[in-house]
N, C-alpha and C. Protein backbone atom coordinates (compact mmCIF):
# COMPACT_ATOMS: atom_id res chain seq x y z
N MET A 1 66.05 131.67 48.26
CA MET A 1 65.50 131.03 49.01
C MET A 1 64.86 131.73 49.84
N ALA A 2 63.68 131.50 50.88
CA ALA A 2 63.14 132.68 51.71
C ALA A 2 63.58 132.40 53.10
N THR A 3 64.09 133.33 53.53
CA THR A 3 65.12 133.04 55.20
C THR A 3 63.77 133.60 56.24
N LYS A 4 64.46 132.82 57.29
CA LYS A 4 63.69 133.98 57.98
C LYS A 4 64.42 133.47 59.69
N LYS A 5 64.38 134.82 60.45
CA LYS A 5 65.04 134.91 61.70
C LYS A 5 65.06 134.14 63.06
N TYR A 6 65.38 133.55 63.45
CA TYR A 6 65.53 132.47 64.54
C TYR A 6 67.00 132.47 65.43
N THR A 7 65.93 132.53 67.00
CA THR A 7 66.91 132.89 68.15
C THR A 7 67.37 131.29 68.48
N VAL A 8 68.84 131.39 68.54
CA VAL A 8 69.48 129.83 68.99
C VAL A 8 70.25 130.31 70.33
N THR A 9 70.64 129.53 70.92
CA THR A 9 71.86 129.70 71.80
C THR A 9 72.80 128.89 71.27
N LEU A 10 73.94 129.45 71.75
CA LEU A 10 75.35 128.75 71.32
C LEU A 10 76.45 129.11 72.61
N PRO A 11 77.31 128.57 72.80
CA PRO A 11 78.44 128.93 73.36
C PRO A 11 79.08 129.75 73.44
N GLU A 12 79.12 131.08 73.87
CA GLU A 12 80.09 132.28 73.32
C GLU A 12 80.83 132.22 72.55
N GLU A 13 81.94 131.33 73.36
CA GLU A 13 83.30 131.48 73.29
C GLU A 13 83.42 130.81 71.74
N LEU A 14 82.57 130.00 70.92
CA LEU A 14 82.40 129.00 69.78
C LEU A 14 82.03 130.11 68.99
N ALA A 15 80.49 130.94 69.14
CA ALA A 15 80.19 131.76 68.31
C ALA A 15 80.94 132.54 68.00
N GLU A 16 81.74 133.27 69.13
CA GLU A 16 83.07 134.32 68.97
C GLU A 16 83.98 134.22 68.07
N GLU A 17 84.43 132.74 68.08
CA GLU A 17 85.60 132.14 67.22
C GLU A 17 84.94 132.02 66.18
N ILE A 18 83.94 131.88 65.66
CA ILE A 18 83.33 131.35 64.25
C ILE A 18 83.27 133.01 63.79
N ARG A 19 82.79 133.70 64.45
CA ARG A 19 81.91 134.96 64.18
C ARG A 19 84.05 135.87 63.66
N ARG A 20 84.58 135.86 64.32
CA ARG A 20 86.07 135.69 63.97
C ARG A 20 87.07 135.60 62.72
N GLU A 21 86.32 134.12 62.59
CA GLU A 21 86.92 133.38 61.14
C GLU A 21 85.87 133.68 60.20
N VAL A 22 84.76 134.11 60.07
CA VAL A 22 83.90 134.32 58.92
C VAL A 22 83.61 135.38 58.34
N GLY A 23 83.84 136.48 59.84
CA GLY A 23 83.00 137.89 59.64
C GLY A 23 81.75 137.53 60.09
N ALA A 24 81.31 138.95 60.94
CA ALA A 24 80.00 139.35 61.21
C ALA A 24 79.24 139.08 60.19
N GLY A 25 79.06 139.04 58.70
CA GLY A 25 78.10 139.26 58.00
C GLY A 25 78.07 137.89 57.10
N ASN A 26 79.13 137.18 57.80
CA ASN A 26 78.93 135.63 57.26
C ASN A 26 78.60 134.38 58.37
N PHE A 27 78.44 135.20 59.44
CA PHE A 27 78.09 134.12 60.24
C PHE A 27 76.62 133.17 60.15
N SER A 28 75.95 133.71 59.75
CA SER A 28 74.37 132.85 59.75
C SER A 28 74.58 132.15 58.31
N ALA A 29 75.47 132.40 57.09
CA ALA A 29 75.60 131.57 56.07
C ALA A 29 76.95 130.17 56.69
N TYR A 30 77.66 130.41 57.58
CA TYR A 30 78.25 129.73 58.12
C TYR A 30 77.40 128.48 58.70
N VAL A 31 76.68 129.03 60.06
CA VAL A 31 75.68 128.17 60.91
C VAL A 31 75.07 127.22 59.74
N THR A 32 74.21 128.02 58.48
CA THR A 32 73.35 127.58 57.95
C THR A 32 74.20 126.15 57.25
N ARG A 33 75.13 126.88 56.56
CA ARG A 33 76.17 125.32 55.90
C ARG A 33 76.47 124.43 57.15
N ALA A 34 76.46 124.65 57.92
CA ALA A 34 77.05 123.64 59.69
C ALA A 34 75.65 122.46 59.47
N ILE A 35 74.55 123.47 59.72
CA ILE A 35 73.21 122.70 60.03
C ILE A 35 72.61 121.67 58.66
N GLU A 36 73.28 121.96 57.63
CA GLU A 36 73.01 121.49 56.46
C GLU A 36 73.93 119.88 56.19
N ARG A 37 75.00 120.17 56.57
CA ARG A 37 76.21 119.43 56.40
C ARG A 37 75.46 118.18 57.52
N GLN A 38 75.08 118.64 59.02
CA GLN A 38 74.40 117.51 59.88
C GLN A 38 73.14 117.15 59.50
N ARG A 39 72.56 117.31 58.74
CA ARG A 39 71.43 116.64 58.23
C ARG A 39 71.62 115.89 57.31
N GLU A 40 72.41 116.29 56.42
CA GLU A 40 73.18 115.34 55.06
C GLU A 40 74.20 113.69 55.95
N GLN A 41 74.78 114.13 57.23
CA GLN A 41 75.02 112.99 58.17
C GLN A 41 74.28 112.30 58.55
N ASP A 42 72.95 112.92 59.25
CA ASP A 42 71.82 112.32 60.00
C ASP A 42 71.04 111.38 58.87
N ARG A 43 71.21 111.63 57.62
CA ARG A 43 70.68 111.10 56.56
C ARG A 43 71.20 109.76 56.16
N LEU A 44 72.83 110.46 56.03
CA LEU A 44 73.48 108.59 55.81
C LEU A 44 73.30 108.00 56.64
N GLY A 45 73.43 108.10 58.11
CA GLY A 45 73.38 107.43 59.34
C GLY A 45 71.39 106.47 59.41
N GLU A 46 70.50 107.32 58.47
CA GLU A 46 69.73 106.21 58.45
C GLU A 46 69.80 105.40 57.44
N LEU A 47 70.42 105.83 56.33
CA LEU A 47 70.68 104.95 55.03
C LEU A 47 71.67 103.53 55.61
N VAL A 48 72.14 103.99 56.37
CA VAL A 48 73.34 102.82 56.20
C VAL A 48 72.87 102.06 57.61
N ALA A 49 71.31 102.64 58.69
CA ALA A 49 70.80 101.79 59.47
C ALA A 49 70.34 100.62 58.75
N TRP A 50 69.42 101.46 57.71
CA TRP A 50 68.06 100.93 56.57
C TRP A 50 68.81 99.35 56.09
N LEU A 51 70.03 99.92 55.32
CA LEU A 51 70.85 99.05 54.68
C LEU A 51 71.58 97.98 55.57
N GLU A 52 71.88 97.94 56.95
CA GLU A 52 72.32 96.86 58.06
C GLU A 52 71.08 96.20 58.35
N GLU A 53 69.56 96.65 58.32
CA GLU A 53 68.54 95.84 58.27
C GLU A 53 68.15 95.05 57.49
N GLU A 54 68.57 95.37 55.94
CA GLU A 54 67.95 94.92 55.25
C GLU A 54 69.07 93.82 54.65
N HIS A 55 70.07 94.12 55.05
CA HIS A 55 71.12 93.12 54.22
C HIS A 55 72.27 92.68 55.81
N GLY A 56 72.22 93.40 56.88
CA GLY A 56 73.26 92.86 57.62
C GLY A 56 74.35 93.83 57.76
N PRO A 57 74.98 94.10 58.62
CA PRO A 57 76.05 94.86 58.93
C PRO A 57 77.31 93.98 57.70
N LEU A 58 78.24 94.91 57.53
CA LEU A 58 79.55 94.73 56.90
C LEU A 58 80.41 94.12 57.83
N THR A 59 80.80 92.90 56.96
CA THR A 59 82.23 92.18 57.70
C THR A 59 82.93 92.89 57.88
N GLU A 60 84.59 92.11 58.31
CA GLU A 60 85.33 92.66 58.68
C GLU A 60 86.07 92.90 57.13
N ALA A 61 86.30 91.64 56.44
CA ALA A 61 86.95 91.52 54.90
C ALA A 61 86.06 92.92 54.24
N GLU A 62 84.99 92.92 54.29
CA GLU A 62 84.39 94.00 53.66
C GLU A 62 84.88 95.58 54.37
N LEU A 63 84.89 95.39 55.19
CA LEU A 63 85.72 97.35 55.59
C LEU A 63 86.82 96.65 55.25
N ALA A 64 87.84 96.01 55.36
CA ALA A 64 88.57 95.79 54.66
C ALA A 64 89.07 96.63 53.28
N GLU A 65 88.43 95.78 52.52
CA GLU A 65 88.38 95.83 51.51
C GLU A 65 87.68 97.96 51.17
N ALA A 66 86.92 98.18 51.50
CA ALA A 66 86.87 99.52 51.46
C ALA A 66 87.64 100.54 51.85
N GLU A 67 88.46 100.18 53.07
CA GLU A 67 89.72 101.03 53.33
C GLU A 67 90.44 101.05 52.58
N ALA A 68 90.80 99.96 51.82
CA ALA A 68 92.50 99.95 51.21
C ALA A 68 91.54 100.66 49.77
N GLU A 69 90.32 100.69 49.58
CA GLU A 69 89.76 101.58 48.63
C GLU A 69 90.00 103.05 48.45
N ARG A 70 89.20 103.18 49.56
CA ARG A 70 89.31 104.42 49.59
C ARG A 70 91.10 105.15 49.78
N ARG A 71 92.04 104.12 50.48
CA ARG A 71 93.20 104.83 50.40
C ARG A 71 93.89 104.82 48.76
N GLU A 72 93.43 104.19 48.36
CA GLU A 72 94.06 103.83 46.88
C GLU A 72 93.28 105.45 45.90
N HIS A 73 92.10 106.10 46.43
CA HIS A 73 91.72 106.67 45.95
C HIS A 73 92.39 108.23 46.33
N GLU A 74 92.56 107.99 47.61
CA GLU A 74 93.24 108.86 48.47
C GLU A 74 94.80 109.70 47.81
N ARG A 75 95.44 108.21 47.72
CA ARG A 75 96.78 108.30 46.61
C ARG A 75 96.11 109.03 45.47
N TYR A 76 95.23 108.59 44.67
CA TYR A 76 94.66 109.01 43.08
C TYR A 76 94.77 110.56 42.98
N PHE A 77 93.91 111.14 44.12
CA PHE A 77 94.15 112.40 44.04
C PHE A 77 95.31 113.41 44.89
N ALA A 78 95.87 112.64 45.49
CA ALA A 78 97.29 113.25 45.85
C ALA A 78 98.03 113.37 44.73
N ALA A 79 97.58 112.28 43.66
CA ALA A 79 98.72 112.49 42.46
C ALA A 79 98.08 113.46 41.35
N LEU A 80 97.13 113.85 41.13
CA LEU A 80 96.63 114.64 40.60
C LEU A 80 96.39 115.95 41.24
N LYS A 81 96.78 116.00 42.14
CA LYS A 81 97.08 117.43 42.95
C LYS A 81 98.39 117.86 42.56
N ALA A 82 99.36 116.79 43.00
CA ALA A 82 100.60 117.09 42.57
C ALA A 82 101.19 117.58 41.00
N ASP A 83 100.12 116.60 40.39
CA ASP A 83 100.45 116.96 38.91
C ASP A 83 99.87 118.41 38.52
N ALA A 84 98.79 118.70 39.26
CA ALA A 84 98.53 120.65 38.67
C ALA A 84 99.28 121.17 39.19
N ALA A 85 100.22 121.19 40.31
CA ALA A 85 101.36 121.65 40.86
C ALA A 85 102.61 121.86 39.65
N GLY A 86 102.27 121.14 39.20
CA GLY A 86 103.81 120.80 38.03
C GLY A 86 104.08 119.68 37.96
N GLY A 87 103.70 118.14 38.22
CA GLY A 87 104.27 117.13 37.63
C GLY A 87 103.55 116.68 35.94
N ASP A 88 104.56 115.39 35.76
CA ASP A 88 103.95 115.39 34.56
C ASP A 88 102.68 114.18 34.48
N GLY A 89 102.48 113.83 35.38
CA GLY A 89 101.22 112.67 34.94
C GLY A 89 101.86 111.63 35.18
N SER A 90 102.72 110.86 35.11
CA SER A 90 103.22 109.78 34.90
C SER A 90 103.13 108.84 36.00
N HIS A 91 102.69 109.09 37.16
CA HIS A 91 102.40 108.39 38.34
C HIS A 91 100.81 108.18 38.54
N TYR A 92 99.75 108.51 37.99
CA TYR A 92 98.47 108.14 38.49
C TYR A 92 98.56 106.70 38.37
N PRO A 93 98.03 106.56 40.21
CA PRO A 93 97.95 104.96 40.33
C PRO A 93 96.70 104.60 39.77
N MET A 94 95.72 104.97 39.36
CA MET A 94 94.93 104.69 38.85
C MET A 94 94.60 104.54 37.51
N ALA A 95 95.65 105.34 36.99
CA ALA A 95 95.66 105.23 35.35
C ALA A 95 95.44 103.99 34.53
N GLY A 96 95.15 103.54 33.17
CA GLY A 96 95.35 102.72 32.68
C GLY A 96 94.16 102.40 31.38
């Protein structure tokens, strides 16, 4: 991918903290990834707005169901991680 140099203004303390964490040679890559993630979030926000316009906002029941499903997935992946660290796989919450 072609690159071009830009000048941006950042709070000095934040920029120096990032530079210490990632190293001077990785600073631009870090900022690029941060901008890419922000663009993804912006696009997701646009999608949510469009879906709500088309179908209406989510109900409390739908939100609760989605949260329960999220927690179930979280438990499942925690079990996978534990098994990778030496478990036997017999406690997968979504196995079956």
